[in-house]
Protein backbone atom coordinates (compact mmCIF):
# COMPACT_ATOMS: atom_id res chain seq x y z
CA MET A 1 30.46 82.62 13.21
CA LYS A 2 28.57 80.96 16.01
CA LYS A 3 25.53 80.49 13.75
CA ILE A 4 27.76 78.90 11.09
CA LEU A 5 29.19 76.44 13.62
CA LEU A 6 25.71 75.53 14.84
CA PHE A 7 24.76 74.73 11.25
CA LEU A 8 27.95 72.85 10.32
CA VAL A 9 28.09 70.53 13.36
CA PRO A 10 24.72 68.79 12.73
CA PHE A 11 25.47 68.70 9.02
CA LEU A 12 28.83 66.98 9.58
CA VAL A 13 27.33 64.49 12.03
CA THR A 14 24.53 63.62 9.61
CA THR A 15 27.02 63.22 6.75
CA ILE A 16 29.21 60.88 8.80
CA LEU A 17 26.20 58.72 9.80
CA VAL A 18 24.95 58.46 6.21
CA VAL A 19 28.37 57.54 4.84
CA GLY A 20 28.86 54.99 7.63
CA TYR A 21 25.45 53.45 6.99
CA PHE A 22 26.10 52.96 3.28
CA LYS A 23 29.52 51.45 3.90
CA LEU A 24 28.03 49.05 6.45
CA THR A 25 25.23 47.95 4.10
CA GLN A 26 27.77 47.50 1.32
CA LYS A 27 29.79 45.14 3.53
CA ILE A 28 26.67 43.23 4.47
CA THR A 29 25.68 42.70 0.85
CA THR A 30 29.14 41.33 0.07
CA ILE A 31 28.90 38.66 2.79
CA LYS A 32 28.36 35.24 1.20
CA ILE A 33 26.05 32.76 2.95
CA PRO A 34 27.38 29.22 2.60
CA SER A 35 25.07 26.99 0.55
CA LEU A 36 23.69 23.84 2.19
CA PRO A 37 23.88 20.50 0.36
CA SER A 38 20.57 19.64 -1.33
CA ILE A 39 18.79 16.47 -0.19
CA SER A 40 15.70 14.95 -1.73
CA PHE A 41 12.74 13.31 0.03
CA SER A 42 13.81 9.91 -1.29
CA ASP A 43 17.25 10.44 0.31
CA LEU A 44 15.56 11.14 3.64
CA VAL A 45 13.57 7.91 3.37
CA LYS A 46 16.77 5.97 2.66
CA LEU A 47 18.48 7.49 5.68
CA SER A 48 15.54 6.78 7.99
CA ARG A 49 15.42 3.47 9.86
CA PHE A 50 11.61 3.52 9.89
CA SER A 51 9.85 1.68 7.12
CA LEU A 52 6.16 1.77 6.28
CA ASP A 53 6.12 -1.42 4.24
CA LYS A 54 8.25 -3.50 6.62
CA ALA A 55 7.91 -4.13 10.34
CA PRO A 56 11.02 -4.00 12.58
CA SER A 57 13.36 -6.88 11.73
CA GLN A 58 13.17 -8.32 15.26
CA SER A 59 9.36 -8.49 15.29
CA LEU A 60 7.55 -11.80 14.91
CA VAL A 61 5.53 -12.56 11.79
CA GLY A 62 2.14 -14.23 12.09
CA THR A 63 0.66 -16.79 9.72
CA ILE A 64 -2.98 -17.55 9.00
CA ILE A 65 -3.13 -21.34 9.29
CA SER A 66 -6.84 -21.65 8.50
CA MET A 67 -9.63 -19.40 7.27
CA SER A 68 -13.14 -19.58 5.90
CA GLY A 69 -15.89 -17.20 4.83
CA GLU A 70 -15.30 -13.49 4.43
CA VAL A 71 -11.90 -12.38 5.71
CA LYS A 72 -10.40 -8.92 5.20
CA TYR A 73 -6.77 -7.91 5.62
CA GLU A 74 -5.22 -4.45 5.93
CA SER A 75 -1.48 -4.22 5.35
CA ARG A 76 0.87 -1.58 6.74
CA MET A 77 0.77 0.34 3.47
CA ALA A 78 -3.00 0.13 2.88
CA THR A 79 -5.55 2.79 3.82
CA GLU A 80 -8.41 0.31 4.11
CA SER A 81 -8.91 -3.44 4.38
CA ALA A 82 -9.48 -5.71 1.38
CA GLU A 83 -10.96 -9.21 1.15
CA ILE A 84 -8.48 -12.08 0.79
CA ASN A 85 -9.11 -15.59 -0.53
CA SER A 86 -5.95 -17.31 0.71
CA PRO A 87 -3.80 -17.13 3.86
CA VAL A 88 -1.24 -14.33 4.23
CA GLN A 89 1.55 -13.51 6.63
CA VAL A 90 0.70 -10.77 9.11
CA GLN A 91 3.14 -8.15 10.36
CA GLN A 92 3.11 -5.73 13.24
CA GLY A 93 0.84 -2.79 12.43
CA GLU A 94 -1.66 -4.76 10.32
CA SER A 95 -5.31 -5.76 10.84
CA LEU A 96 -7.65 -8.70 10.25
CA GLU A 97 -11.44 -8.51 10.00
CA THR A 98 -14.06 -11.21 9.52
CA GLY A 99 -17.55 -10.94 8.06
CA GLU A 100 -20.77 -12.62 9.16
CA ASP A 101 -19.60 -16.06 8.01
CA GLY A 102 -15.87 -15.51 8.45
CA LYS A 103 -13.38 -16.98 10.89
CA LEU A 104 -9.67 -17.62 10.98
CA ILE A 105 -6.76 -18.79 13.11
CA LEU A 106 -3.64 -16.61 13.28
CA THR A 107 -0.52 -18.06 14.85
CA PHE A 108 2.84 -16.67 15.89
CA GLU A 109 5.11 -19.71 16.07
CA LYS A 110 5.90 -20.75 19.64
CA ALA A 111 4.45 -17.47 20.96
CA ALA A 112 0.69 -17.09 20.61
CA GLU A 113 -2.42 -18.14 18.71
CA VAL A 114 -5.46 -16.00 17.98
CA ASP A 115 -8.76 -17.62 16.98
CA ILE A 116 -10.93 -14.90 15.42
CA SER A 117 -14.68 -15.49 15.19
CA SER A 118 -17.20 -13.87 12.83
CA ASP A 119 -17.83 -10.10 12.78
CA THR A 120 -14.55 -9.38 14.54
CA LEU A 121 -11.77 -6.85 14.03
CA VAL A 122 -8.32 -7.44 15.52
CA ASP A 123 -5.42 -5.00 15.16
CA VAL A 124 -1.93 -6.48 15.48
CA VAL A 125 -0.35 -3.57 17.34
CA GLN A 126 3.03 -5.03 18.30
CA THR A 127 4.79 -8.34 17.75
CA LEU A 128 8.16 -7.71 19.36
CA PRO A 129 9.41 -10.67 21.43
CA ALA A 130 9.27 -8.48 24.53
CA ASP A 131 5.47 -8.23 24.31
CA LEU A 132 2.78 -9.18 21.80
CA VAL A 133 0.01 -6.56 21.81
CA PHE A 134 -3.38 -6.78 20.11
CA SER A 135 -6.30 -4.36 19.99
CA GLN A 136 -9.93 -5.51 19.76
CA ASN A 137 -13.00 -3.26 19.91
CA MET A 138 -15.32 -5.49 17.90
CA GLY A 139 -16.43 -9.13 17.94
CA THR A 140 -15.01 -12.20 19.67
CA ALA A 141 -11.51 -13.66 19.66
CA GLU A 142 -9.64 -16.22 21.72
CA TYR A 143 -6.01 -15.53 22.65
CA ILE A 144 -3.80 -18.48 23.58
CA LYS A 145 -0.36 -17.94 25.04
CA LEU A 146 2.14 -20.54 23.81
CA ALA A 147 5.39 -19.41 25.45
CA ASP A 148 6.86 -17.47 28.34
CA MET A 149 6.23 -14.19 26.53
CA PRO A 150 3.71 -11.46 27.50
CA VAL A 151 0.53 -11.40 25.43
CA SER A 152 -1.61 -8.30 25.92
CA ILE A 153 -4.99 -7.23 24.55
CA ARG A 154 -6.36 -3.69 24.56
CA SER A 155 -10.15 -3.32 24.38
CA TYR A 156 -11.44 0.22 24.78
CA HIS A 157 -9.83 1.45 28.05
CA LEU A 158 -9.25 -2.07 29.38
CA LEU A 159 -5.79 -3.66 29.18
CA ILE A 160 -5.60 -7.44 29.57
CA GLU A 161 -2.35 -9.30 30.17
CA ASN A 162 -3.04 -12.89 29.23
CA ASP A 163 -1.12 -15.59 31.08
CA GLY A 164 -2.93 -18.56 29.60
CA ASP A 165 -6.04 -18.68 27.44
CA VAL A 166 -8.70 -15.95 27.35
CA THR A 167 -11.71 -15.17 25.17
CA VAL A 168 -12.54 -11.49 24.62
CA SER A 169 -16.03 -10.48 23.44
CA VAL A 170 -17.20 -6.93 22.67
CA ASP A 171 -20.89 -6.07 22.67
CA LYS A 172 -22.24 -4.96 19.27
CA ILE A 173 -24.18 -2.00 20.70
CA LYS A 174 -22.93 -1.10 24.16
CA PRO A 175 -19.28 -0.39 25.11
CA ILE A 176 -19.08 -3.55 27.22
CA VAL A 177 -16.21 -6.05 27.14
CA THR A 178 -16.56 -9.58 28.48
CA VAL A 179 -13.43 -11.64 29.17
CA LYS A 180 -13.56 -15.33 29.99
CA ILE A 181 -10.43 -16.92 31.45
CA ASN A 182 -10.34 -20.43 29.98
CA SER A 183 -7.03 -21.47 31.56
CA GLY A 184 -4.13 -19.93 33.46
CA SER A 185 -4.76 -16.40 34.71
CA ALA A 186 -5.12 -12.83 33.51
CA THR A 187 -4.32 -9.39 34.88
CA PHE A 188 -6.66 -6.48 34.12
CA ALA A 189 -5.78 -2.78 34.31
CA TYR A 190 -7.76 0.39 33.62
CA ASN A 191 -8.36 3.92 34.88
CA ASN A 192 -11.74 4.63 36.49
CA ILE A 193 -13.79 7.78 35.83
CA TYR A 194 -11.71 9.59 38.47
CA ASN A 195 -8.53 8.66 36.55
CA VAL A 196 -7.40 6.33 39.32
CA SER A 197 -5.58 3.20 38.15
CA ARG A 198 -7.13 -0.17 38.99
CA VAL A 199 -5.39 -3.54 38.64
CA TRP A 200 -7.04 -6.94 39.15
CA LYS A 201 -5.81 -10.49 38.70
CA PHE A 202 -8.10 -13.50 38.26
CA ASP A 203 -7.60 -17.22 37.65
CA ALA A 204 -9.20 -19.71 35.28
CA GLY A 205 -12.97 -20.03 35.51
CA THR A 206 -13.53 -16.32 36.05
CA THR A 207 -15.64 -14.20 33.70
CA LEU A 208 -15.05 -10.47 33.89
CA THR A 209 -17.34 -7.77 32.49
CA PHE A 210 -15.97 -4.28 31.89
CA ASN A 211 -18.27 -1.32 31.19
CA ASP A 212 -16.23 1.29 29.36
CA GLY A 213 -18.91 3.94 29.88
CA THR A 214 -18.88 3.72 33.68
CA ARG A 215 -15.35 2.21 33.92
CA ARG A 216 -16.59 -0.47 36.27
CA VAL A 217 -15.67 -4.16 36.49
CA VAL A 218 -17.82 -7.11 37.59
CA ALA A 219 -16.17 -10.51 38.04
CA LYS A 220 -17.88 -13.82 38.72
């Protein structure tokens, strides 16, 4: 009798566990997962406030008021620049490049003017009224501030805040930036090779040379 009990007890326990397991899995399979509403990629684009083909509505739009020679323009939607034969409007996030005989004047009404010389590439990074920001790592361009609105230029690791009229020139071979302050003043900021921030302010008549390789500044 004892041997029978020893056999029946494990058998009953095993039977109960197996039956319970199958009932549990049966309940799980009957649970319905609510379906999520389908949404297409085009719907996501419509819902997004960011637009590739259009700059923010509050940003300023620049106009090329004169141009000659080879001039290339890269729009927000383009993957590379293309030559243009007539003036275009320039939005935030676009670029202008001149060839060996090219030059142009880009103006943002009552804000700033950029005179771009030959063999120069200027990226229009930001044109919000709070701060106009340009990037230049090639050629020569003059930046003229026309209103009480910050105008900044980034060249390699050098940031220039223009408070007047400055000409920025980038060496064709070496990573050297030369900035001439034609009028007003300019503030320069960069991190040296030890990652320590440096800020300098100079007035009209000063020419500053920045070596991006050594992160050193010489002003005269």
